[in-house]
PDB file of N, CA and C in Angstrom:
ATOM      1  N   MET A   1      49.021 -81.327 -40.122  1.00  0.00           N
ATOM      2  CA  MET A   1      47.889 -80.747 -39.382  1.00  0.00           C
ATOM      3  C   MET A   1      46.664 -80.796 -40.293  1.00  0.00           C
ATOM      4  N   ASP A   2      45.502 -80.404 -39.595  1.00  0.00           N
ATOM      5  CA  ASP A   2      44.211 -80.246 -40.487  1.00  0.00           C
ATOM      6  C   ASP A   2      44.332 -79.435 -41.689  1.00  0.00           C
ATOM      7  N   ASP A   3      43.292 -79.457 -42.394  1.00  0.00           N
ATOM      8  CA  ASP A   3      43.142 -78.708 -43.535  1.00  0.00           C
ATOM      9  C   ASP A   3      43.151 -77.211 -43.182  1.00  0.00           C
ATOM     10  N   GLY A   4      43.931 -76.391 -44.146  1.00  0.00           N
ATOM     11  CA  GLY A   4      43.970 -74.924 -43.886  1.00  0.00           C
ATOM     12  C   GLY A   4      45.320 -74.762 -43.359  1.00  0.00           C
ATOM     13  N   TRP A   5      46.024 -75.630 -42.753  1.00  0.00           N
ATOM     14  CA  TRP A   5      47.401 -75.430 -42.236  1.00  0.00           C
ATOM     15  C   TRP A   5      48.425 -75.382 -43.289  1.00  0.00           C
ATOM     16  N   SER A   6      49.454 -74.578 -43.162  1.00  0.00           N
ATOM     17  CA  SER A   6      50.601 -74.551 -44.189  1.00  0.00           C
ATOM     18  C   SER A   6      51.443 -75.763 -43.873  1.00  0.00           C
ATOM     19  N   LYS A   7      52.446 -75.943 -45.009  1.00  0.00           N
ATOM     20  CA  LYS A   7      53.406 -76.925 -44.806  1.00  0.00           C
ATOM     21  C   LYS A   7      54.291 -76.499 -43.570  1.00  0.00           C
ATOM     22  N   THR A   8      55.086 -77.362 -42.978  1.00  0.00           N
ATOM     23  CA  THR A   8      55.969 -77.109 -41.980  1.00  0.00           C
ATOM     24  C   THR A   8      57.187 -76.118 -42.450  1.00  0.00           C
ATOM     25  N   ARG A   9      57.185 -75.031 -41.830  1.00  0.00           N
ATOM     26  CA  ARG A   9      58.238 -74.032 -42.216  1.00  0.00           C
ATOM     27  C   ARG A   9      59.371 -73.989 -41.035  1.00  0.00           C
ATOM     28  N   HIS A  10      60.491 -73.592 -41.328  1.00  0.00           N
ATOM     29  CA  HIS A  10      61.509 -73.443 -40.381  1.00  0.00           C
ATOM     30  C   HIS A  10      61.948 -72.083 -40.215  1.00  0.00           C
ATOM     31  N   PHE A  11      62.404 -71.603 -38.985  1.00  0.00           N
ATOM     32  CA  PHE A  11      62.754 -70.266 -38.680  1.00  0.00           C
ATOM     33  C   PHE A  11      63.933 -70.504 -37.835  1.00  0.00           C
ATOM     34  N   GLU A  12      65.090 -69.718 -38.282  1.00  0.00           N
ATOM     35  CA  GLU A  12      66.335 -69.815 -37.333  1.00  0.00           C
ATOM     36  C   GLU A  12      66.331 -68.882 -36.294  1.00  0.00           C
ATOM     37  N   ILE A  13      66.196 -69.192 -35.157  1.00  0.00           N
ATOM     38  CA  ILE A  13      66.157 -68.379 -33.928  1.00  0.00           C
ATOM     39  C   ILE A  13      67.409 -67.768 -33.606  1.00  0.00           C
ATOM     40  N   THR A  14      68.424 -68.481 -33.702  1.00  0.00           N
ATOM     41  CA  THR A  14      69.882 -68.075 -33.458  1.00  0.00           C
ATOM     42  C   THR A  14      70.625 -69.075 -34.344  1.00  0.00           C
ATOM     43  N   SER A  15      71.856 -68.846 -34.460  1.00  0.00           N
ATOM     44  CA  SER A  15      72.751 -69.791 -35.233  1.00  0.00           C
ATOM     45  C   SER A  15      72.714 -71.258 -34.722  1.00  0.00           C
ATOM     46  N   LYS A  16      72.190 -71.437 -33.585  1.00  0.00           N
ATOM     47  CA  LYS A  16      72.162 -72.628 -32.983  1.00  0.00           C
ATOM     48  C   LYS A  16      70.809 -73.313 -32.407  1.00  0.00           C
ATOM     49  N   ALA A  17      69.675 -72.640 -32.889  1.00  0.00           N
ATOM     50  CA  ALA A  17      68.390 -73.169 -32.640  1.00  0.00           C
ATOM     51  C   ALA A  17      67.331 -72.671 -33.877  1.00  0.00           C
ATOM     52  N   ARG A  18      66.493 -73.568 -33.905  1.00  0.00           N
ATOM     53  CA  ARG A  18      65.543 -73.623 -35.030  1.00  0.00           C
ATOM     54  C   ARG A  18      64.127 -73.884 -34.416  1.00  0.00           C
ATOM     55  N   ALA A  19      63.162 -73.238 -34.907  1.00  0.00           N
ATOM     56  CA  ALA A  19      61.717 -73.552 -34.677  1.00  0.00           C
ATOM     57  C   ALA A  19      61.096 -73.937 -35.975  1.00  0.00           C
ATOM     58  N   ASP A  20      60.328 -75.101 -35.914  1.00  0.00           N
ATOM     59  CA  ASP A  20      59.553 -75.597 -36.997  1.00  0.00           C
ATOM     60  C   ASP A  20      58.075 -75.181 -36.538  1.00  0.00           C
ATOM     61  N   TYR A  21      57.370 -74.584 -37.520  1.00  0.00           N
ATOM     62  CA  TYR A  21      56.055 -74.234 -37.269  1.00  0.00           C
ATOM     63  C   TYR A  21      55.107 -74.389 -38.556  1.00  0.00           C
ATOM     64  N   GLN A  22      53.915 -74.087 -38.256  1.00  0.00           N
ATOM     65  CA  GLN A  22      52.771 -74.267 -39.304  1.00  0.00           C
ATOM     66  C   GLN A  22      52.030 -72.958 -39.058  1.00  0.00           C
ATOM     67  N   PHE A  23      51.238 -72.319 -39.975  1.00  0.00           N
ATOM     68  CA  PHE A  23      50.175 -71.298 -39.739  1.00  0.00           C
ATOM     69  C   PHE A  23      49.119 -71.509 -40.554  1.00  0.00           C
ATOM     70  N   HIS A  24      48.014 -71.003 -39.952  1.00  0.00           N
ATOM     71  CA  HIS A  24      46.607 -71.100 -40.477  1.00  0.00           C
ATOM     72  C   HIS A  24      46.055 -69.591 -40.485  1.00  0.00           C
ATOM     73  N   ASN A  25      45.558 -69.211 -41.621  1.00  0.00           N
ATOM     74  CA  ASN A  25      45.121 -67.848 -41.763  1.00  0.00           C
ATOM     75  C   ASN A  25      43.747 -67.555 -41.191  1.00  0.00           C
ATOM     76  N   ALA A  26      42.915 -68.475 -40.912  1.00  0.00           N
ATOM     77  CA  ALA A  26      41.483 -68.385 -40.391  1.00  0.00           C
ATOM     78  C   ALA A  26      41.096 -69.648 -39.456  1.00  0.00           C
ATOM     79  N   TYR A  27      41.822 -69.819 -38.417  1.00  0.00           N
ATOM     80  CA  TYR A  27      41.671 -70.680 -37.611  1.00  0.00           C
ATOM     81  C   TYR A  27      40.458 -70.641 -36.529  1.00  0.00           C
ATOM     82  N   LYS A  28      39.561 -71.489 -36.448  1.00  0.00           N
ATOM     83  CA  LYS A  28      38.440 -71.243 -35.393  1.00  0.00           C
ATOM     84  C   LYS A  28      38.631 -72.514 -34.436  1.00  0.00           C
ATOM     85  N   THR A  29      38.342 -72.216 -33.264  1.00  0.00           N
ATOM     86  CA  THR A  29      38.239 -73.294 -32.208  1.00  0.00           C
ATOM     87  C   THR A  29      36.871 -74.045 -32.211  1.00  0.00           C
ATOM     88  N   SER A  30      35.839 -73.450 -32.853  1.00  0.00           N
ATOM     89  CA  SER A  30      34.573 -74.015 -32.836  1.00  0.00           C
ATOM     90  C   SER A  30      33.836 -73.611 -34.170  1.00  0.00           C
ATOM     91  N   ILE A  31      32.859 -74.127 -34.603  1.00  0.00           N
ATOM     92  CA  ILE A  31      32.066 -73.907 -35.735  1.00  0.00           C
ATOM     93  C   ILE A  31      31.534 -72.498 -35.623  1.00  0.00           C
ATOM     94  N   GLU A  32      31.055 -72.195 -34.463  1.00  0.00           N
ATOM     95  CA  GLU A  32      30.570 -70.689 -34.195  1.00  0.00           C
ATOM     96  C   GLU A  32      31.538 -69.657 -34.002  1.00  0.00           C
ATOM     97  N   GLY A  33      32.933 -70.005 -33.729  1.00  0.00           N
ATOM     98  CA  GLY A  33      33.832 -69.176 -33.256  1.00  0.00           C
ATOM     99  C   GLY A  33      34.357 -68.149 -34.510  1.00  0.00           C
ATOM    100  N   ASP A  34      34.980 -67.020 -34.168  1.00  0.00           N
ATOM    101  CA  ASP A  34      35.434 -66.120 -35.118  1.00  0.00           C
ATOM    102  C   ASP A  34      36.910 -66.829 -35.691  1.00  0.00           C
ATOM    103  N   PRO A  35      37.161 -66.572 -37.043  1.00  0.00           N
ATOM    104  CA  PRO A  35      38.425 -67.044 -37.530  1.00  0.00           C
ATOM    105  C   PRO A  35      39.524 -66.099 -37.138  1.00  0.00           C
ATOM    106  N   HIS A  36      40.806 -66.456 -36.678  1.00  0.00           N
ATOM    107  CA  HIS A  36      41.968 -65.648 -36.439  1.00  0.00           C
ATOM    108  C   HIS A  36      43.173 -66.326 -37.123  1.00  0.00           C
ATOM    109  N   PRO A  37      44.144 -65.613 -37.323  1.00  0.00           N
ATOM    110  CA  PRO A  37      45.354 -66.175 -38.051  1.00  0.00           C
ATOM    111  C   PRO A  37      46.034 -66.797 -36.637  1.00  0.00           C
ATOM    112  N   VAL A  38      46.767 -68.012 -36.798  1.00  0.00           N
ATOM    113  CA  VAL A  38      47.450 -68.670 -35.728  1.00  0.00           C
ATOM    114  C   VAL A  38      48.624 -69.285 -36.358  1.00  0.00           C
ATOM    115  N   VAL A  39      49.614 -69.181 -35.307  1.00  0.00           N
ATOM    116  CA  VAL A  39      51.034 -69.858 -35.656  1.00  0.00           C
ATOM    117  C   VAL A  39      51.155 -71.049 -34.703  1.00  0.00           C
ATOM    118  N   ALA A  40      51.361 -72.309 -35.093  1.00  0.00           N
ATOM    119  CA  ALA A  40      51.540 -73.326 -34.190  1.00  0.00           C
ATOM    120  C   ALA A  40      53.015 -73.725 -34.268  1.00  0.00           C
ATOM    121  N   ILE A  41      53.783 -73.656 -33.203  1.00  0.00           N
ATOM    122  CA  ILE A  41      55.089 -74.078 -32.946  1.00  0.00           C
ATOM    123  C   ILE A  41      55.209 -75.539 -32.753  1.00  0.00           C
ATOM    124  N   LEU A  42      55.748 -76.242 -33.661  1.00  0.00           N
ATOM    125  CA  LEU A  42      55.533 -77.872 -33.668  1.00  0.00           C
ATOM    126  C   LEU A  42      56.900 -78.241 -32.757  1.00  0.00           C
ATOM    127  N   THR A  43      58.010 -77.640 -33.125  1.00  0.00           N
ATOM    128  CA  THR A  43      59.176 -78.087 -32.342  1.00  0.00           C
ATOM    129  C   THR A  43      60.310 -76.820 -32.259  1.00  0.00           C
ATOM    130  N   LEU A  44      61.014 -77.055 -31.172  1.00  0.00           N
ATOM    131  CA  LEU A  44      62.171 -76.087 -30.978  1.00  0.00           C
ATOM    132  C   LEU A  44      63.311 -76.937 -30.848  1.00  0.00           C
ATOM    133  N   ASN A  45      64.315 -76.867 -31.919  1.00  0.00           N
ATOM    134  CA  ASN A  45      65.481 -77.609 -31.921  1.00  0.00           C
ATOM    135  C   ASN A  45      66.887 -76.799 -31.457  1.00  0.00           C
ATOM    136  N   PHE A  46      67.454 -77.193 -30.539  1.00  0.00           N
ATOM    137  CA  PHE A  46      68.651 -76.403 -30.008  1.00  0.00           C
ATOM    138  C   PHE A  46      69.955 -77.092 -30.575  1.00  0.00           C
ATOM    139  N   SER A  47      69.873 -78.153 -31.439  1.00  0.00           N
ATOM    140  CA  SER A  47      70.826 -78.751 -31.965  1.00  0.00           C
ATOM    141  C   SER A  47      70.853 -78.976 -33.405  1.00  0.00           C
ATOM    142  N   SER A  48      70.345 -78.130 -34.100  1.00  0.00           N
ATOM    143  CA  SER A  48      69.974 -78.195 -35.547  1.00  0.00           C
ATOM    144  C   SER A  48      71.301 -77.952 -36.334  1.00  0.00           C
ATOM    145  N   HIS A  49      72.431 -77.350 -35.812  1.00  0.00           N
ATOM    146  CA  HIS A  49      73.585 -77.234 -36.563  1.00  0.00           C
ATOM    147  C   HIS A  49      74.734 -77.995 -35.870  1.00  0.00           C
TER     148      HIS A  49
END
């Protein structure tokens, strides 16, 4: 993803599902916008094991 995004991380939702995500501590939707922390879910994998 663009600058400021973390590397892709993995979160075990259950023993049979995983979410891959990235986060940004100060994401803005426009130049004038206020920065906010954001988590972007990239994939949900229900067959990771």
